[in-house]
Amino acid sequence: MKKLLLASTAATLMAGAGFAEDVKVGIILGYTGPIESLTPDMAASAELALKEVSDSGAFLDGSTITPVRADSTCVDAAAASAAAERLITSDGIVAIMGADCSGVTGAVLSNVAVPNGVVMISPSATSPGLTSVEDNGLFFRTSPSDARQGEILAEVLEEKGISSVAVSYTNSDYGKGLSDAFEAAFDGEITINTSHEDGKADYSAEIGALASAGGDVLVVLGYVDQGGKGIIQAAADTGAFDTFLMGDGMYGDSLVADLGDIVEGSMGIVPWAEGEGTDAFNTLGEAAGINVSSAYTRESYDAGALIALAMAKGGEATKEAVAANVLEVANAPGEKILPGELDKALKILAEGGDIDYVGATNVELIGPGEAAGTYRYYTITDGDFETVDIR
């Protein structure tokens, strides 16, 4: 009887005390597919935030976070959903950093995340359709909606006095959403607004239709490693267009490396940020060997950090804690937190205080978890991306 009482007392004490554990977070990105050149730095940026939290020793009584990668493919909804299901059922993840492309993100959200009550924070799924999706308060993103991107693309053309364009967009939720947003915002003539498929070897038929319609500039709303790049190459091969305006999915070092002089003088926009938080991330990322000038690295760091801080705010490594506290740590009131200051944030939260996570992108989540966000307008000059302004 005495031994039974002692065992019962010990069990009660252990139940009431905190203990360290290994917490798993899914990193679902398109490691294969039309943006595969971007995702290594995106993943590394999110994992940098999670490592910073683990190394601090201040996360939930010394708990650590282990990232678990899974391939979204960017374009195959069934494969992305299956990958997410494995993360939840086999790996026991409590939240998802991702997915990346809008179509697979919506599929994972509806098919896997919502039924299992798991939060997703995407660094790059920008379709306006995701704003109103039924998500049970489980979907957030650290990049702004393409509703705003469409307006900025139109602004760029109008500022340059370009009044007639043709549009080619990737046949996906992302491409269609962005092309619709651009069409609604542009006051000039759109001679043709047509889709292209990713992964084709030959885009001569698509370029034939675009060339017949005409236009001073070809607006390319595609992906940098497949269809979008193929459309530009085919346009150059036929002489159909020599100047291009590109959406965010086209930004990447592989664009200039592969197309060179073809894109010289062209323009584009991509979600971006500047300021103290961005500078702090750049320093951290460069030290870790990350190409911080790649697209969506800042947004990925912020998505990873928000997941960890939400758990810390809730006092437990559970999917429920993440869901309940993302907005609590992302917005005012509270002490402002920059990249490299996650240990400071964890200590404030452990003491019952409040934080306002500024992060690498000046995080401010509005409405149903939307990022306010800003964009970089750039031109390709002397084989490099030259910033015109941040807007």
Protein backbone atom coordinates (compact mmCIF):
# COMPACT_ATOMS: atom_id res chain seq x y z
CA MET A 1 0.00 0.00 0.00
CA LYS A 2 2.86 2.34 0.89
CA LYS A 3 4.54 1.68 -2.49
CA LEU A 4 1.25 2.36 -4.25
CA LEU A 5 0.85 5.70 -2.49
CA LEU A 6 4.44 6.72 -3.32
CA ALA A 7 3.93 5.80 -6.97
CA SER A 8 0.68 7.74 -7.08
CA THR A 9 2.32 10.82 -5.53
CA ALA A 10 5.20 10.70 -8.02
CA ALA A 11 2.80 10.40 -10.95
CA THR A 12 0.82 13.40 -9.69
CA LEU A 13 3.99 15.50 -9.35
CA MET A 14 5.13 14.57 -12.87
CA ALA A 15 1.75 15.42 -14.34
CA GLY A 16 1.85 18.86 -12.77
CA ALA A 17 5.40 19.66 -13.84
CA GLY A 18 6.62 20.73 -17.24
CA PHE A 19 8.92 18.43 -19.15
CA ALA A 20 10.99 18.72 -22.30
CA GLU A 21 9.85 16.99 -25.46
CA ASP A 22 10.69 16.80 -29.15
CA VAL A 23 8.01 18.66 -31.09
CA LYS A 24 7.60 18.02 -34.80
CA VAL A 25 6.56 20.66 -37.35
CA GLY A 26 5.88 19.85 -41.01
CA ILE A 27 7.64 21.78 -43.80
CA ILE A 28 5.57 21.15 -46.94
CA LEU A 29 7.08 22.75 -50.05
CA GLY A 30 7.58 21.91 -53.72
CA TYR A 31 10.99 20.30 -53.57
CA THR A 32 10.16 19.00 -57.04
CA GLY A 33 8.13 20.81 -59.69
CA PRO A 34 7.93 24.29 -61.18
CA ILE A 35 9.48 26.23 -58.27
CA GLU A 36 12.01 23.64 -57.10
CA SER A 37 14.88 26.13 -57.34
CA LEU A 38 13.20 28.35 -54.72
CA THR A 39 12.20 25.83 -52.07
CA PRO A 40 15.61 24.85 -50.60
CA ASP A 41 16.15 28.39 -49.31
CA MET A 42 12.53 28.67 -48.21
CA ALA A 43 12.79 25.47 -46.18
CA ALA A 44 16.15 26.46 -44.74
CA SER A 45 14.73 29.82 -43.64
CA ALA A 46 11.80 28.25 -41.78
CA GLU A 47 14.14 25.72 -40.20
CA LEU A 48 16.47 28.54 -39.16
CA ALA A 49 13.66 30.01 -37.03
CA LEU A 50 12.84 26.61 -35.52
CA LYS A 51 16.51 25.98 -34.72
CA GLU A 52 16.77 29.38 -33.09
CA VAL A 53 13.86 28.44 -30.84
CA SER A 54 15.31 25.01 -29.99
CA ASP A 55 18.82 26.35 -29.32
CA SER A 56 17.48 28.97 -26.92
CA GLY A 57 16.61 26.37 -24.28
CA ALA A 58 13.67 28.62 -23.38
CA PHE A 59 10.97 26.84 -25.37
CA LEU A 60 8.47 24.97 -23.18
CA ASP A 61 10.82 23.76 -20.43
CA GLY A 62 13.70 23.05 -22.79
CA SER A 63 11.71 21.31 -25.52
CA THR A 64 13.09 21.23 -29.05
CA ILE A 65 11.48 21.40 -32.47
CA THR A 66 12.31 18.97 -35.27
CA PRO A 67 11.25 20.00 -38.79
CA VAL A 68 9.93 17.21 -41.03
CA ARG A 69 9.95 17.88 -44.76
CA ALA A 70 7.37 16.69 -47.28
CA ASP A 71 7.05 17.41 -51.01
CA SER A 72 4.01 19.35 -52.18
CA THR A 73 5.21 19.17 -55.83
CA CYS A 74 3.54 22.62 -56.16
CA VAL A 75 1.05 21.24 -58.70
CA ASP A 76 -0.18 17.74 -57.70
CA ALA A 77 -2.99 18.15 -55.16
CA ALA A 78 -3.33 14.42 -54.50
CA ALA A 79 0.40 13.98 -53.85
CA ALA A 80 0.49 17.04 -51.58
CA SER A 81 -2.53 15.83 -49.59
CA ALA A 82 -1.00 12.37 -49.17
CA ALA A 83 2.27 13.90 -48.01
CA ALA A 84 0.45 16.05 -45.44
CA GLU A 85 -1.55 13.06 -44.22
CA ARG A 86 1.68 11.12 -43.62
CA LEU A 87 3.12 14.04 -41.66
CA ILE A 88 0.14 14.02 -39.33
CA THR A 89 -0.49 10.31 -38.94
CA SER A 90 3.06 8.94 -39.11
CA ASP A 91 5.26 11.79 -37.93
CA GLY A 92 2.89 13.39 -35.43
CA ILE A 93 3.46 16.99 -36.51
CA VAL A 94 1.50 19.68 -34.65
CA ALA A 95 1.50 22.35 -37.39
CA ILE A 96 2.46 22.88 -41.03
CA MET A 97 4.77 25.54 -42.44
CA GLY A 98 3.41 25.58 -45.99
CA ALA A 99 2.27 24.65 -48.42
CA ASP A 100 3.68 26.84 -51.16
CA CYS A 101 1.64 26.99 -54.38
CA SER A 102 -1.99 28.02 -54.02
CA GLY A 103 -3.72 25.01 -55.54
CA VAL A 104 -1.95 22.40 -53.44
CA THR A 105 -2.27 24.62 -50.38
CA GLY A 106 -6.04 24.73 -50.76
CA ALA A 107 -6.16 20.97 -51.27
CA VAL A 108 -4.05 20.21 -48.19
CA LEU A 109 -6.10 22.66 -46.15
CA SER A 110 -9.48 21.20 -47.12
CA ASN A 111 -8.53 17.52 -47.30
CA VAL A 112 -6.10 17.20 -44.40
CA ALA A 113 -5.50 20.23 -42.18
CA VAL A 114 -9.10 21.20 -41.42
CA PRO A 115 -10.31 17.63 -40.73
CA ASN A 116 -7.36 17.13 -38.37
CA GLY A 117 -7.46 20.58 -36.74
CA VAL A 118 -3.91 21.43 -37.84
CA VAL A 119 -2.77 24.99 -38.53
CA MET A 120 -1.10 25.84 -41.84
CA ILE A 121 0.98 28.99 -42.26
CA SER A 122 1.94 29.42 -45.91
CA PRO A 123 4.81 31.71 -46.89
CA SER A 124 3.83 31.87 -50.56
CA ALA A 125 0.27 30.72 -51.37
CA THR A 126 -1.13 34.00 -52.68
CA SER A 127 -4.39 33.20 -54.50
CA PRO A 128 -7.21 35.60 -53.58
CA GLY A 129 -9.49 32.56 -53.36
CA LEU A 130 -7.73 31.47 -50.18
CA THR A 131 -8.99 34.58 -48.39
CA SER A 132 -12.53 33.24 -48.17
CA VAL A 133 -11.84 29.50 -47.98
CA GLU A 134 -13.55 27.57 -45.15
CA ASP A 135 -10.60 27.05 -42.84
CA ASN A 136 -12.04 26.95 -39.29
CA GLY A 137 -9.48 29.58 -38.33
CA LEU A 138 -6.58 27.27 -39.23
CA PHE A 139 -5.05 29.01 -42.28
CA PHE A 140 -2.65 31.94 -42.20
CA ARG A 141 -0.14 33.36 -44.66
CA THR A 142 2.86 35.63 -44.39
CA SER A 143 2.74 36.85 -48.00
CA PRO A 144 0.01 39.18 -49.26
CA SER A 145 -2.90 38.15 -51.47
CA ASP A 146 -2.64 38.44 -55.24
CA ALA A 147 -5.59 40.81 -55.14
CA ARG A 148 -2.98 43.42 -54.25
CA GLN A 149 -0.35 42.06 -56.63
CA GLY A 150 -2.71 42.48 -59.58
CA GLU A 151 -3.11 46.15 -58.71
CA ILE A 152 0.64 46.72 -58.50
CA LEU A 153 1.30 44.99 -61.83
CA ALA A 154 -1.25 47.35 -63.39
CA GLU A 155 0.40 50.36 -61.68
CA VAL A 156 3.81 49.45 -63.10
CA LEU A 157 2.48 49.34 -66.66
CA GLU A 158 0.53 52.56 -66.31
CA GLU A 159 3.55 54.39 -64.86
CA LYS A 160 5.60 53.31 -67.88
CA GLY A 161 2.89 54.39 -70.31
CA ILE A 162 2.22 50.86 -71.57
CA SER A 163 -1.41 50.53 -72.62
CA SER A 164 -1.56 47.25 -74.56
CA VAL A 165 -0.46 43.83 -73.26
CA ALA A 166 -0.94 40.12 -73.79
CA VAL A 167 -1.18 37.83 -70.74
CA SER A 168 -0.06 34.23 -70.26
CA TYR A 169 -0.77 32.58 -66.91
CA THR A 170 -0.10 29.14 -65.49
CA ASN A 171 -3.21 26.98 -65.49
CA SER A 172 -3.62 26.80 -61.72
CA ASP A 173 -5.48 28.48 -58.87
CA TYR A 174 -2.52 30.84 -58.49
CA GLY A 175 -2.28 31.76 -62.17
CA LYS A 176 -6.01 32.21 -62.72
CA GLY A 177 -6.46 34.23 -59.53
CA LEU A 178 -3.59 36.55 -60.35
CA SER A 179 -4.63 37.02 -63.97
CA ASP A 180 -8.17 37.88 -62.87
CA ALA A 181 -6.84 40.39 -60.33
CA PHE A 182 -4.60 41.99 -62.95
CA GLU A 183 -7.36 42.15 -65.54
CA ALA A 184 -9.67 43.87 -63.05
CA ALA A 185 -7.02 46.48 -62.20
CA PHE A 186 -5.55 47.27 -65.63
CA ASP A 187 -7.20 50.15 -67.51
CA GLY A 188 -5.39 49.46 -70.79
CA GLU A 189 -6.05 46.88 -73.52
CA ILE A 190 -5.50 43.18 -72.80
CA THR A 191 -5.29 41.66 -76.28
CA ILE A 192 -5.47 38.08 -74.98
CA ASN A 193 -5.53 36.49 -71.52
CA THR A 194 -4.78 32.79 -71.85
CA SER A 195 -3.37 29.93 -69.81
CA HIS A 196 -0.36 27.67 -70.32
CA GLU A 197 0.43 24.28 -68.81
CA ASP A 198 3.59 23.60 -66.84
CA GLY A 199 6.04 20.89 -67.82
CA LYS A 200 5.67 21.11 -71.62
CA ALA A 201 8.68 20.87 -73.93
CA ASP A 202 7.21 23.13 -76.61
CA TYR A 203 5.23 26.36 -76.21
CA SER A 204 5.14 27.40 -79.87
CA ALA A 205 1.36 27.01 -80.12
CA GLU A 206 0.80 29.23 -77.09
CA ILE A 207 3.19 31.85 -78.43
CA GLY A 208 1.47 31.73 -81.82
CA ALA A 209 -1.82 32.75 -80.22
CA LEU A 210 -0.18 35.45 -78.10
CA ALA A 211 1.73 36.88 -81.05
CA SER A 212 -1.39 36.99 -83.22
CA ALA A 213 -3.20 39.00 -80.55
CA GLY A 214 -0.27 41.41 -80.18
CA GLY A 215 0.60 43.84 -77.41
CA ASP A 216 3.57 45.96 -76.40
CA VAL A 217 4.51 43.73 -73.46
CA LEU A 218 3.89 40.08 -72.57
CA VAL A 219 2.72 39.69 -68.96
CA VAL A 220 3.89 36.29 -67.67
CA LEU A 221 2.15 34.99 -64.55
CA GLY A 222 3.82 31.62 -64.28
CA TYR A 223 6.51 29.63 -62.50
CA VAL A 224 10.21 30.25 -62.87
CA ASP A 225 11.35 26.65 -63.39
CA GLN A 226 8.80 25.43 -65.93
CA GLY A 227 5.97 26.99 -67.96
CA GLY A 228 6.65 30.66 -67.37
CA LYS A 229 10.27 30.35 -68.37
CA GLY A 230 9.27 28.23 -71.38
CA ILE A 231 6.82 30.89 -72.55
CA ILE A 232 9.49 33.60 -72.41
CA GLN A 233 12.03 31.42 -74.23
CA ALA A 234 9.51 30.62 -76.98
CA ALA A 235 8.56 34.30 -77.30
CA ALA A 236 12.21 35.21 -77.76
CA ASP A 237 12.83 32.38 -80.24
CA THR A 238 10.03 33.61 -82.49
CA GLY A 239 10.60 37.33 -81.94
CA ALA A 240 7.01 37.70 -80.78
CA PHE A 241 7.86 39.81 -77.70
CA ASP A 242 11.05 41.31 -76.34
CA THR A 243 9.83 42.86 -73.07
CA PHE A 244 8.14 41.01 -70.24
CA LEU A 245 6.34 41.91 -67.01
CA MET A 246 6.49 39.05 -64.52
CA GLY A 247 4.51 38.06 -61.46
CA ASP A 248 6.06 36.81 -58.24
CA GLY A 249 6.26 33.16 -59.32
CA MET A 250 8.84 34.15 -61.94
CA TYR A 251 11.35 35.66 -59.52
CA GLY A 252 14.45 33.52 -59.04
CA ASP A 253 18.14 33.35 -59.86
CA SER A 254 17.47 30.58 -62.37
CA LEU A 255 15.49 33.06 -64.51
CA VAL A 256 18.53 35.21 -65.27
CA ALA A 257 20.92 32.27 -65.27
CA ASP A 258 18.90 30.41 -67.90
CA LEU A 259 17.51 33.25 -70.01
CA GLY A 260 20.26 35.86 -69.78
CA ASP A 261 19.88 38.66 -72.32
CA ILE A 262 16.35 37.56 -73.21
CA VAL A 263 14.97 39.11 -70.02
CA GLU A 264 17.30 42.12 -69.93
CA GLY A 265 15.18 45.25 -69.43
CA SER A 266 12.12 43.33 -68.30
CA MET A 267 10.22 44.02 -65.08
CA GLY A 268 8.59 42.17 -62.24
CA ILE A 269 7.28 42.30 -58.70
CA VAL A 270 7.65 39.94 -55.76
CA PRO A 271 6.60 40.13 -52.08
CA TRP A 272 9.44 41.80 -50.20
CA ALA A 273 10.23 43.86 -47.15
CA GLU A 274 12.77 46.31 -45.85
CA GLY A 275 13.71 47.70 -42.46
CA GLU A 276 15.35 46.60 -39.24
CA GLY A 277 13.68 43.19 -39.19
CA THR A 278 14.65 42.41 -42.77
CA ASP A 279 18.24 43.44 -42.08
CA ALA A 280 18.34 41.22 -39.01
CA PHE A 281 17.06 38.24 -41.02
CA ASN A 282 19.58 38.89 -43.79
CA THR A 283 22.44 38.76 -41.28
CA LEU A 284 21.18 35.53 -39.73
CA GLY A 285 20.40 33.91 -43.07
CA GLU A 286 23.71 34.75 -44.69
CA ALA A 287 25.57 33.33 -41.70
CA ALA A 288 23.58 30.11 -42.16
CA GLY A 289 24.41 29.88 -45.86
CA ILE A 290 20.93 30.85 -47.08
CA ASN A 291 20.45 32.89 -50.25
CA VAL A 292 18.42 35.58 -48.53
CA SER A 293 17.71 37.39 -51.80
CA SER A 294 15.69 34.41 -53.03
CA ALA A 295 11.90 34.68 -53.04
CA TYR A 296 9.89 33.90 -49.92
CA THR A 297 12.84 33.30 -47.59
CA ARG A 298 11.74 36.08 -45.22
CA GLU A 299 8.13 34.90 -45.28
CA SER A 300 9.26 31.32 -44.53
CA TYR A 301 11.31 32.38 -41.51
CA ASP A 302 8.32 34.30 -40.19
CA ALA A 303 5.94 31.38 -40.73
CA GLY A 304 8.22 29.06 -38.77
CA ALA A 305 8.69 31.58 -35.99
CA LEU A 306 4.94 32.22 -35.64
CA ILE A 307 4.23 28.50 -35.22
CA ALA A 308 6.80 28.16 -32.43
CA LEU A 309 5.78 31.36 -30.66
CA ALA A 310 2.10 30.42 -30.78
CA MET A 311 2.90 27.18 -28.95
CA ALA A 312 4.95 29.09 -26.40
CA LYS A 313 2.11 31.56 -25.85
CA GLY A 314 -0.32 28.68 -25.30
CA GLY A 315 2.06 26.93 -22.92
CA GLU A 316 1.94 23.59 -24.73
CA ALA A 317 3.17 21.89 -27.88
CA THR A 318 -0.24 21.11 -29.34
CA LYS A 319 -2.17 21.91 -32.49
CA GLU A 320 -4.78 23.62 -30.31
CA ALA A 321 -2.18 25.99 -28.85
CA VAL A 322 -0.99 26.97 -32.31
CA ALA A 323 -4.51 27.63 -33.58
CA ALA A 324 -5.47 29.75 -30.59
CA ASN A 325 -2.38 31.94 -30.46
CA VAL A 326 -1.03 32.79 -33.93
CA LEU A 327 -2.85 36.13 -34.02
CA GLU A 328 -1.96 36.76 -30.37
CA VAL A 329 1.79 36.70 -31.08
CA ALA A 330 1.66 38.24 -34.56
CA ASN A 331 0.04 41.55 -33.72
CA ALA A 332 0.11 44.33 -31.13
CA PRO A 333 0.03 44.84 -28.22
CA GLY A 334 3.32 43.57 -26.90
CA GLU A 335 7.08 43.98 -27.14
CA LYS A 336 8.30 44.04 -30.73
CA ILE A 337 10.34 40.98 -31.73
CA LEU A 338 12.80 40.80 -34.64
CA PRO A 339 14.63 37.84 -36.18
CA GLY A 340 17.37 36.74 -33.79
CA GLU A 341 15.26 37.74 -30.79
CA LEU A 342 13.14 34.60 -30.47
CA ASP A 343 14.82 33.64 -27.18
CA LYS A 344 13.79 37.03 -25.79
CA ALA A 345 10.22 36.44 -27.02
CA LEU A 346 10.09 33.01 -25.38
CA LYS A 347 11.16 34.42 -22.03
CA ILE A 348 8.55 37.18 -22.20
CA LEU A 349 5.84 34.65 -23.00
CA ALA A 350 6.98 32.28 -20.25
CA GLU A 351 6.55 35.13 -17.77
CA GLY A 352 3.03 35.82 -19.00
CA GLY A 353 3.91 38.87 -21.09
CA ASP A 354 2.82 39.87 -24.59
CA ILE A 355 4.84 40.12 -27.80
CA ASP A 356 4.26 41.75 -31.18
CA TYR A 357 6.20 39.66 -33.69
CA VAL A 358 7.57 42.01 -36.35
CA GLY A 359 9.87 39.45 -37.93
CA ALA A 360 11.55 39.73 -41.31
CA THR A 361 8.49 41.04 -43.18
CA ASN A 362 7.00 43.54 -40.73
CA VAL A 363 4.33 40.96 -39.88
CA GLU A 364 0.81 42.26 -39.42
CA LEU A 365 -1.97 39.73 -39.87
CA ILE A 366 -5.24 41.32 -40.88
CA GLY A 367 -8.73 39.96 -41.47
CA PRO A 368 -8.78 36.16 -41.48
CA GLY A 369 -5.02 35.72 -41.02
CA GLU A 370 -3.97 37.66 -44.12
CA ALA A 371 -0.60 39.41 -44.39
CA ALA A 372 -0.72 43.13 -45.10
CA GLY A 373 2.61 42.86 -46.92
CA THR A 374 4.64 44.91 -49.39
CA TYR A 375 6.15 44.23 -52.82
CA ARG A 376 9.49 44.82 -54.51
CA TYR A 377 9.23 46.31 -57.99
CA TYR A 378 12.40 45.45 -59.89
CA THR A 379 13.91 45.62 -63.35
CA ILE A 380 16.47 43.22 -64.80
CA THR A 381 19.52 45.35 -65.47
CA ASP A 382 22.97 44.07 -66.47
CA GLY A 383 21.89 40.53 -65.71
CA ASP A 384 20.71 41.23 -62.16
CA PHE A 385 17.57 42.21 -60.28
CA GLU A 386 17.64 45.96 -59.61
CA THR A 387 15.12 47.36 -57.12
CA VAL A 388 13.04 50.29 -58.33
CA ASP A 389 11.07 50.63 -55.11
CA ILE A 390 9.18 48.82 -52.35
CA ARG A 391 5.45 49.43 -52.40
